[in-house]
Amino acid sequence: MKKISDPKERTKRNYRRLALLIPLFAAVAIFGYAALFLFATERGLPFFDCVWKSRLGIYCPGCGGSRALLALLRLDFASSLFYYPAMLPLALLLLDLYVRIVIAAVTGEERAVRTFRFRVFYLILAAVLLTCLVRNLLWLGFGIDVLGDLR
C-alpha cells in the first residue's frame, strides 16, 4: 500500500474506512442483539435481568431500551417512543453522524464531522434521565408501573 502525503486524501481514506465499517458494525450489533433477544424470549429464557430492577426495585435509565429498539426495527414508532422516548432521536442523531462521515469520506472535509450536534446529544441525555426520574416517581410515589416490569 502506497503512502499518501496529501492530508486531504488521507482524511478521505480514513473516513471511507469509517463509512464502510460503521454500518457493518451497527448491522451486526443490532440484528445480533435482536436475534438473541427473540431466541431467548421464544424459549422462555431470561435474556437480560436488570440489576436495578431485580435488586433495587426501580427503573434504571436504560429500562425499555431493548423493547424500543425492537419496536424501531419493526418500524413501530409509537411503541418505540412509549418504551424509551430517547431511542428515535438517538437513532436519528447517529444517522446524522453517519451521513456526516460519508460526506467527509467523499469530500475530504473534516468540517462536516466537526460540526456534529453535541447540544442535541446532551438534550437526548437529559431526556433519558428525565424519563428515568418520571418513571421512578410514578412507581414509588403512586404505584403506577409504566412498563409493567416491577409488579
N, C-alpha and C. Protein backbone atom coordinates (compact mmCIF):
# COMPACT_ATOMS: atom_id res chain seq x y z
N MET A 1 0.84 -1.17 0.00
CA MET A 1 0.00 0.00 0.00
C MET A 1 0.90 1.24 0.00
N LYS A 2 0.59 2.15 -0.88
CA LYS A 2 1.43 3.33 -1.01
C LYS A 2 1.06 4.38 0.03
N LYS A 3 2.08 5.16 0.39
CA LYS A 3 1.88 6.25 1.35
C LYS A 3 1.20 7.42 0.66
N ILE A 4 0.25 8.02 1.35
CA ILE A 4 -0.43 9.19 0.82
C ILE A 4 0.09 10.39 1.58
N SER A 5 0.65 11.35 0.86
CA SER A 5 1.23 12.52 1.52
C SER A 5 0.24 13.67 1.64
N ASP A 6 -0.76 13.71 0.77
CA ASP A 6 -1.74 14.79 0.81
C ASP A 6 -2.68 14.58 2.01
N PRO A 7 -2.74 15.55 2.93
CA PRO A 7 -3.61 15.38 4.11
C PRO A 7 -5.08 15.22 3.76
N LYS A 8 -5.53 15.88 2.70
CA LYS A 8 -6.93 15.78 2.32
C LYS A 8 -7.25 14.36 1.82
N GLU A 9 -6.34 13.76 1.08
CA GLU A 9 -6.52 12.39 0.61
C GLU A 9 -6.47 11.40 1.76
N ARG A 10 -5.59 11.66 2.73
CA ARG A 10 -5.50 10.80 3.91
C ARG A 10 -6.82 10.87 4.70
N THR A 11 -7.36 12.07 4.83
CA THR A 11 -8.64 12.24 5.52
C THR A 11 -9.74 11.49 4.80
N LYS A 12 -9.78 11.62 3.47
CA LYS A 12 -10.79 10.90 2.70
C LYS A 12 -10.68 9.40 2.93
N ARG A 13 -9.45 8.87 2.89
CA ARG A 13 -9.25 7.44 3.06
C ARG A 13 -9.71 6.98 4.44
N ASN A 14 -9.37 7.73 5.47
CA ASN A 14 -9.76 7.35 6.83
C ASN A 14 -11.29 7.38 6.99
N TYR A 15 -11.93 8.40 6.45
CA TYR A 15 -13.39 8.47 6.57
C TYR A 15 -14.09 7.44 5.69
N ARG A 16 -13.46 7.05 4.59
CA ARG A 16 -14.03 5.96 3.77
C ARG A 16 -14.04 4.66 4.56
N ARG A 17 -12.96 4.41 5.28
CA ARG A 17 -12.92 3.21 6.13
C ARG A 17 -14.03 3.25 7.17
N LEU A 18 -14.16 4.40 7.82
CA LEU A 18 -15.24 4.54 8.81
C LEU A 18 -16.61 4.37 8.17
N ALA A 19 -16.79 4.95 7.00
CA ALA A 19 -18.08 4.88 6.31
C ALA A 19 -18.43 3.44 5.95
N LEU A 20 -17.45 2.60 5.75
CA LEU A 20 -17.72 1.20 5.45
C LEU A 20 -17.89 0.36 6.72
N LEU A 21 -17.14 0.68 7.75
CA LEU A 21 -17.17 -0.14 8.95
C LEU A 21 -18.36 0.14 9.87
N ILE A 22 -18.80 1.38 9.93
CA ILE A 22 -19.89 1.73 10.85
C ILE A 22 -21.19 0.97 10.53
N PRO A 23 -21.67 0.98 9.27
CA PRO A 23 -22.91 0.23 9.03
C PRO A 23 -22.75 -1.27 9.23
N LEU A 24 -21.58 -1.79 8.93
CA LEU A 24 -21.35 -3.21 9.15
C LEU A 24 -21.41 -3.54 10.64
N PHE A 25 -20.74 -2.76 11.44
CA PHE A 25 -20.76 -2.97 12.88
C PHE A 25 -22.17 -2.79 13.45
N ALA A 26 -22.87 -1.74 13.01
CA ALA A 26 -24.22 -1.48 13.50
C ALA A 26 -25.17 -2.61 13.14
N ALA A 27 -25.08 -3.09 11.91
CA ALA A 27 -25.97 -4.18 11.48
C ALA A 27 -25.72 -5.44 12.29
N VAL A 28 -24.46 -5.79 12.47
CA VAL A 28 -24.14 -6.99 13.25
C VAL A 28 -24.60 -6.84 14.69
N ALA A 29 -24.36 -5.67 15.29
CA ALA A 29 -24.74 -5.46 16.69
C ALA A 29 -26.26 -5.45 16.87
N ILE A 30 -26.96 -4.71 16.03
CA ILE A 30 -28.40 -4.58 16.21
C ILE A 30 -29.13 -5.88 15.89
N PHE A 31 -28.83 -6.45 14.75
CA PHE A 31 -29.55 -7.67 14.37
C PHE A 31 -29.11 -8.87 15.20
N GLY A 32 -27.85 -8.89 15.63
CA GLY A 32 -27.41 -9.94 16.53
C GLY A 32 -28.11 -9.86 17.88
N TYR A 33 -28.22 -8.65 18.39
CA TYR A 33 -28.92 -8.46 19.66
C TYR A 33 -30.40 -8.84 19.52
N ALA A 34 -31.02 -8.40 18.44
CA ALA A 34 -32.43 -8.72 18.23
C ALA A 34 -32.63 -10.22 18.09
N ALA A 35 -31.74 -10.90 17.38
CA ALA A 35 -31.86 -12.35 17.22
C ALA A 35 -31.70 -13.07 18.55
N LEU A 36 -30.72 -12.66 19.34
CA LEU A 36 -30.54 -13.27 20.66
C LEU A 36 -31.75 -13.02 21.56
N PHE A 37 -32.27 -11.80 21.52
CA PHE A 37 -33.43 -11.47 22.33
C PHE A 37 -34.64 -12.31 21.93
N LEU A 38 -34.90 -12.38 20.64
CA LEU A 38 -36.04 -13.17 20.17
C LEU A 38 -35.85 -14.66 20.45
N PHE A 39 -34.64 -15.17 20.29
CA PHE A 39 -34.35 -16.57 20.58
C PHE A 39 -34.61 -16.88 22.04
N ALA A 40 -34.13 -16.00 22.92
CA ALA A 40 -34.28 -16.23 24.36
C ALA A 40 -35.73 -16.12 24.80
N THR A 41 -36.44 -15.10 24.32
CA THR A 41 -37.82 -14.93 24.76
C THR A 41 -38.74 -16.01 24.19
N GLU A 42 -38.42 -16.50 23.00
CA GLU A 42 -39.23 -17.57 22.41
C GLU A 42 -39.15 -18.85 23.23
N ARG A 43 -38.02 -19.08 23.84
CA ARG A 43 -37.81 -20.30 24.62
C ARG A 43 -38.01 -20.08 26.12
N GLY A 44 -38.43 -18.88 26.50
CA GLY A 44 -38.70 -18.59 27.90
C GLY A 44 -37.45 -18.42 28.75
N LEU A 45 -36.33 -18.14 28.11
CA LEU A 45 -35.09 -17.95 28.84
C LEU A 45 -34.94 -16.49 29.26
N PRO A 46 -34.40 -16.24 30.45
CA PRO A 46 -34.17 -14.84 30.83
C PRO A 46 -33.00 -14.29 30.02
N PHE A 47 -33.25 -13.28 29.24
CA PHE A 47 -32.20 -12.73 28.38
C PHE A 47 -31.39 -11.68 29.10
N PHE A 48 -32.06 -10.78 29.77
CA PHE A 48 -31.38 -9.68 30.41
C PHE A 48 -32.12 -9.34 31.68
N ASP A 49 -31.43 -9.46 32.78
CA ASP A 49 -32.03 -9.14 34.05
C ASP A 49 -31.37 -7.87 34.58
N CYS A 50 -32.12 -6.80 34.58
CA CYS A 50 -31.60 -5.51 35.02
C CYS A 50 -31.32 -5.56 36.52
N VAL A 51 -30.12 -5.20 36.90
CA VAL A 51 -29.71 -5.23 38.29
C VAL A 51 -30.52 -4.21 39.11
N TRP A 52 -30.77 -3.06 38.53
CA TRP A 52 -31.55 -2.04 39.24
C TRP A 52 -32.95 -2.56 39.57
N LYS A 53 -33.58 -3.21 38.56
CA LYS A 53 -34.94 -3.71 38.79
C LYS A 53 -34.95 -4.88 39.77
N SER A 54 -34.02 -5.81 39.61
CA SER A 54 -34.05 -7.01 40.46
C SER A 54 -33.58 -6.72 41.88
N ARG A 55 -32.56 -5.87 42.05
CA ARG A 55 -32.02 -5.64 43.38
C ARG A 55 -32.66 -4.44 44.09
N LEU A 56 -32.86 -3.34 43.34
CA LEU A 56 -33.35 -2.12 43.97
C LEU A 56 -34.86 -1.91 43.81
N GLY A 57 -35.45 -2.56 42.81
CA GLY A 57 -36.89 -2.41 42.60
C GLY A 57 -37.28 -1.10 41.94
N ILE A 58 -36.34 -0.48 41.21
CA ILE A 58 -36.64 0.75 40.49
C ILE A 58 -36.14 0.63 39.06
N TYR A 59 -36.61 1.54 38.22
CA TYR A 59 -36.18 1.56 36.82
C TYR A 59 -34.80 2.19 36.70
N CYS A 60 -33.99 1.63 35.82
CA CYS A 60 -32.69 2.24 35.51
C CYS A 60 -32.87 3.19 34.32
N PRO A 61 -31.87 4.02 34.02
CA PRO A 61 -32.01 4.94 32.88
C PRO A 61 -32.17 4.24 31.53
N GLY A 62 -31.81 2.97 31.43
CA GLY A 62 -31.92 2.26 30.16
C GLY A 62 -33.14 1.36 30.05
N CYS A 63 -33.99 1.32 31.09
CA CYS A 63 -35.16 0.44 31.06
C CYS A 63 -36.08 0.79 29.89
N GLY A 64 -36.41 -0.21 29.12
CA GLY A 64 -37.28 -0.04 27.96
C GLY A 64 -36.50 0.13 26.67
N GLY A 65 -35.18 0.26 26.76
CA GLY A 65 -34.36 0.48 25.57
C GLY A 65 -34.38 -0.69 24.60
N SER A 66 -34.33 -1.91 25.12
CA SER A 66 -34.35 -3.09 24.24
C SER A 66 -35.67 -3.19 23.49
N ARG A 67 -36.75 -3.01 24.23
CA ARG A 67 -38.07 -3.06 23.57
C ARG A 67 -38.24 -1.93 22.57
N ALA A 68 -37.71 -0.76 22.90
CA ALA A 68 -37.79 0.37 21.97
C ALA A 68 -37.00 0.10 20.70
N LEU A 69 -35.82 -0.50 20.84
CA LEU A 69 -35.01 -0.83 19.67
C LEU A 69 -35.71 -1.86 18.79
N LEU A 70 -36.29 -2.88 19.41
CA LEU A 70 -37.01 -3.89 18.63
C LEU A 70 -38.23 -3.29 17.94
N ALA A 71 -38.93 -2.39 18.64
CA ALA A 71 -40.09 -1.72 18.03
C ALA A 71 -39.64 -0.84 16.88
N LEU A 72 -38.50 -0.18 17.03
CA LEU A 72 -37.96 0.65 15.96
C LEU A 72 -37.58 -0.19 14.75
N LEU A 73 -37.04 -1.38 14.98
CA LEU A 73 -36.70 -2.28 13.88
C LEU A 73 -37.95 -2.77 13.15
N ARG A 74 -39.08 -2.84 13.88
CA ARG A 74 -40.36 -3.22 13.26
C ARG A 74 -41.07 -2.01 12.66
N LEU A 75 -40.44 -0.83 12.76
CA LEU A 75 -41.00 0.45 12.30
C LEU A 75 -42.26 0.83 13.06
N ASP A 76 -42.36 0.40 14.31
CA ASP A 76 -43.46 0.76 15.18
C ASP A 76 -42.99 1.94 16.04
N PHE A 77 -43.09 3.14 15.47
CA PHE A 77 -42.53 4.32 16.10
C PHE A 77 -43.25 4.70 17.39
N ALA A 78 -44.56 4.51 17.45
CA ALA A 78 -45.32 4.86 18.65
C ALA A 78 -44.89 4.01 19.84
N SER A 79 -44.75 2.71 19.63
CA SER A 79 -44.30 1.84 20.72
C SER A 79 -42.88 2.16 21.13
N SER A 80 -42.05 2.44 20.16
CA SER A 80 -40.66 2.79 20.46
C SER A 80 -40.59 4.04 21.34
N LEU A 81 -41.38 5.04 21.02
CA LEU A 81 -41.41 6.27 21.84
C LEU A 81 -41.98 6.01 23.23
N PHE A 82 -42.94 5.10 23.33
CA PHE A 82 -43.51 4.78 24.63
C PHE A 82 -42.49 4.07 25.51
N TYR A 83 -41.83 3.05 24.97
CA TYR A 83 -40.88 2.27 25.76
C TYR A 83 -39.65 3.07 26.17
N TYR A 84 -39.13 3.89 25.25
CA TYR A 84 -37.90 4.63 25.53
C TYR A 84 -37.91 5.86 24.64
N PRO A 85 -38.38 6.99 25.14
CA PRO A 85 -38.56 8.18 24.30
C PRO A 85 -37.29 8.67 23.61
N ALA A 86 -36.13 8.35 24.13
CA ALA A 86 -34.90 8.86 23.53
C ALA A 86 -34.38 7.99 22.38
N MET A 87 -34.97 6.83 22.14
CA MET A 87 -34.42 5.90 21.14
C MET A 87 -34.52 6.47 19.72
N LEU A 88 -35.66 7.00 19.34
CA LEU A 88 -35.82 7.53 17.98
C LEU A 88 -34.92 8.76 17.75
N PRO A 89 -34.90 9.75 18.65
CA PRO A 89 -33.97 10.86 18.43
C PRO A 89 -32.51 10.41 18.42
N LEU A 90 -32.17 9.44 19.25
CA LEU A 90 -30.79 8.95 19.26
C LEU A 90 -30.45 8.26 17.94
N ALA A 91 -31.38 7.47 17.41
CA ALA A 91 -31.15 6.82 16.12
C ALA A 91 -31.00 7.85 15.01
N LEU A 92 -31.81 8.89 15.04
CA LEU A 92 -31.69 9.95 14.03
C LEU A 92 -30.38 10.71 14.17
N LEU A 93 -29.95 10.94 15.39
CA LEU A 93 -28.68 11.63 15.61
C LEU A 93 -27.50 10.79 15.12
N LEU A 94 -27.54 9.48 15.36
CA LEU A 94 -26.48 8.61 14.86
C LEU A 94 -26.50 8.53 13.35
N LEU A 95 -27.68 8.54 12.75
CA LEU A 95 -27.78 8.57 11.29
C LEU A 95 -27.18 9.87 10.75
N ASP A 96 -27.44 10.98 11.42
CA ASP A 96 -26.86 12.26 11.03
C ASP A 96 -25.34 12.21 11.09
N LEU A 97 -24.80 11.61 12.15
CA LEU A 97 -23.35 11.49 12.27
C LEU A 97 -22.79 10.63 11.14
N TYR A 98 -23.48 9.55 10.82
CA TYR A 98 -23.01 8.68 9.73
C TYR A 98 -23.01 9.43 8.40
N VAL A 99 -24.06 10.19 8.12
CA VAL A 99 -24.12 10.98 6.88
C VAL A 99 -22.95 11.96 6.84
N ARG A 100 -22.64 12.57 7.97
CA ARG A 100 -21.50 13.49 8.02
C ARG A 100 -20.18 12.78 7.74
N ILE A 101 -20.04 11.55 8.23
CA ILE A 101 -18.82 10.78 7.96
C ILE A 101 -18.72 10.44 6.48
N VAL A 102 -19.85 10.11 5.86
CA VAL A 102 -19.84 9.82 4.43
C VAL A 102 -19.48 11.07 3.63
N ILE A 103 -20.01 12.21 4.03
CA ILE A 103 -19.67 13.48 3.35
C ILE A 103 -18.17 13.75 3.47
N ALA A 104 -17.62 13.51 4.66
CA ALA A 104 -16.18 13.71 4.84
C ALA A 104 -15.39 12.71 4.00
N ALA A 105 -15.90 11.50 3.84
CA ALA A 105 -15.22 10.49 3.03
C ALA A 105 -15.20 10.88 1.57
N VAL A 106 -16.26 11.51 1.10
CA VAL A 106 -16.35 11.89 -0.31
C VAL A 106 -15.58 13.18 -0.59
N THR A 107 -15.73 14.16 0.27
CA THR A 107 -15.13 15.48 0.00
C THR A 107 -13.77 15.68 0.64
N GLY A 108 -13.48 14.93 1.71
CA GLY A 108 -12.23 15.13 2.42
C GLY A 108 -12.28 16.27 3.41
N GLU A 109 -13.43 16.89 3.58
CA GLU A 109 -13.60 18.00 4.52
C GLU A 109 -13.98 17.46 5.89
N GLU A 110 -13.11 17.67 6.86
CA GLU A 110 -13.41 17.22 8.23
C GLU A 110 -14.45 18.11 8.91
N ARG A 111 -14.68 19.26 8.36
CA ARG A 111 -15.63 20.20 8.96
C ARG A 111 -17.02 19.58 9.10
N ALA A 112 -17.38 18.71 8.17
CA ALA A 112 -18.70 18.08 8.24
C ALA A 112 -18.84 17.26 9.51
N VAL A 113 -17.78 16.60 9.94
CA VAL A 113 -17.83 15.80 11.15
C VAL A 113 -17.67 16.68 12.38
N ARG A 114 -16.83 17.69 12.29
CA ARG A 114 -16.60 18.56 13.44
C ARG A 114 -17.82 19.36 13.83
N THR A 115 -18.76 19.55 12.93
CA THR A 115 -19.96 20.33 13.26
C THR A 115 -21.10 19.44 13.77
N PHE A 116 -20.75 18.26 14.26
CA PHE A 116 -21.74 17.35 14.83
C PHE A 116 -22.48 18.04 15.97
N ARG A 117 -23.72 17.74 16.11
CA ARG A 117 -24.59 18.45 17.04
C ARG A 117 -24.51 17.87 18.46
N PHE A 118 -23.51 18.27 19.20
CA PHE A 118 -23.36 17.77 20.57
C PHE A 118 -24.45 18.31 21.48
N ARG A 119 -24.98 19.50 21.18
CA ARG A 119 -26.07 20.03 22.01
C ARG A 119 -27.28 19.11 21.94
N VAL A 120 -27.56 18.58 20.78
CA VAL A 120 -28.69 17.65 20.63
C VAL A 120 -28.41 16.38 21.43
N PHE A 121 -27.18 15.92 21.39
CA PHE A 121 -26.82 14.74 22.17
C PHE A 121 -27.06 14.97 23.65
N TYR A 122 -26.70 16.14 24.15
CA TYR A 122 -26.93 16.45 25.57
C TYR A 122 -28.43 16.56 25.88
N LEU A 123 -29.21 17.05 24.95
CA LEU A 123 -30.67 17.08 25.15
C LEU A 123 -31.24 15.67 25.22
N ILE A 124 -30.73 14.78 24.39
CA ILE A 124 -31.19 13.39 24.42
C ILE A 124 -30.80 12.75 25.75
N LEU A 125 -29.60 13.02 26.22
CA LEU A 125 -29.17 12.51 27.52
C LEU A 125 -30.07 13.03 28.64
N ALA A 126 -30.44 14.29 28.56
CA ALA A 126 -31.36 14.87 29.55
C ALA A 126 -32.73 14.19 29.47
N ALA A 127 -33.18 13.86 28.26
CA ALA A 127 -34.47 13.16 28.11
C ALA A 127 -34.41 11.77 28.73
N VAL A 128 -33.27 11.09 28.60
CA VAL A 128 -33.11 9.77 29.21
C VAL A 128 -33.22 9.88 30.73
N LEU A 129 -32.53 10.83 31.30
CA LEU A 129 -32.56 10.99 32.75
C LEU A 129 -33.93 11.44 33.25
N LEU A 130 -34.59 12.32 32.50
CA LEU A 130 -35.93 12.76 32.88
C LEU A 130 -36.93 11.61 32.80
N THR A 131 -36.82 10.78 31.78
CA THR A 131 -37.70 9.61 31.65
C THR A 131 -37.52 8.68 32.83
N CYS A 132 -36.27 8.44 33.21
CA CYS A 132 -35.99 7.58 34.35
C CYS A 132 -36.59 8.17 35.63
N LEU A 133 -36.41 9.45 35.82
CA LEU A 133 -36.93 10.12 37.01
C LEU A 133 -38.45 10.03 37.07
N VAL A 134 -39.13 10.33 35.97
CA VAL A 134 -40.59 10.30 35.94
C VAL A 134 -41.11 8.89 36.18
N ARG A 135 -40.51 7.90 35.53
CA ARG A 135 -40.96 6.52 35.73
C ARG A 135 -40.81 6.08 37.17
N ASN A 136 -39.69 6.44 37.80
CA ASN A 136 -39.48 6.05 39.19
C ASN A 136 -40.38 6.82 40.14
N LEU A 137 -40.65 8.09 39.85
CA LEU A 137 -41.60 8.85 40.67
C LEU A 137 -43.00 8.27 40.57
N LEU A 138 -43.41 7.89 39.36
CA LEU A 138 -44.72 7.27 39.20
C LEU A 138 -44.80 5.94 39.96
N TRP A 139 -43.71 5.16 39.91
CA TRP A 139 -43.70 3.86 40.57
C TRP A 139 -43.64 4.01 42.09
N LEU A 140 -42.70 4.79 42.58
CA LEU A 140 -42.52 4.90 44.02
C LEU A 140 -43.57 5.78 44.69
N GLY A 141 -44.03 6.81 43.99
CA GLY A 141 -44.99 7.73 44.59
C GLY A 141 -46.43 7.31 44.45
N PHE A 142 -46.78 6.71 43.31
CA PHE A 142 -48.18 6.42 43.03
C PHE A 142 -48.45 4.95 42.74
N GLY A 143 -47.43 4.12 42.68
CA GLY A 143 -47.61 2.69 42.40
C GLY A 143 -47.96 2.41 40.96
N ILE A 144 -47.70 3.35 40.06
CA ILE A 144 -48.00 3.16 38.63
C ILE A 144 -46.76 2.60 37.96
N ASP A 145 -46.87 1.37 37.48
CA ASP A 145 -45.77 0.69 36.80
C ASP A 145 -45.94 0.87 35.30
N VAL A 146 -45.22 1.83 34.75
CA VAL A 146 -45.41 2.23 33.36
C VAL A 146 -45.12 1.09 32.38
N LEU A 147 -44.00 0.40 32.58
CA LEU A 147 -43.61 -0.66 31.65
C LEU A 147 -44.13 -2.03 32.06
N GLY A 148 -44.63 -2.16 33.26
CA GLY A 148 -45.19 -3.43 33.70
C GLY A 148 -44.15 -4.45 34.12
N ASP A 149 -42.98 -4.01 34.50
CA ASP A 149 -41.91 -4.93 34.86
C ASP A 149 -41.75 -5.13 36.35
N LEU A 150 -42.23 -4.22 37.15
CA LEU A 150 -41.91 -4.22 38.57
C LEU A 150 -42.98 -4.86 39.45
N ARG A 151 -44.09 -5.20 38.91
CA ARG A 151 -45.17 -5.77 39.74
C ARG A 151 -44.96 -7.21 40.02
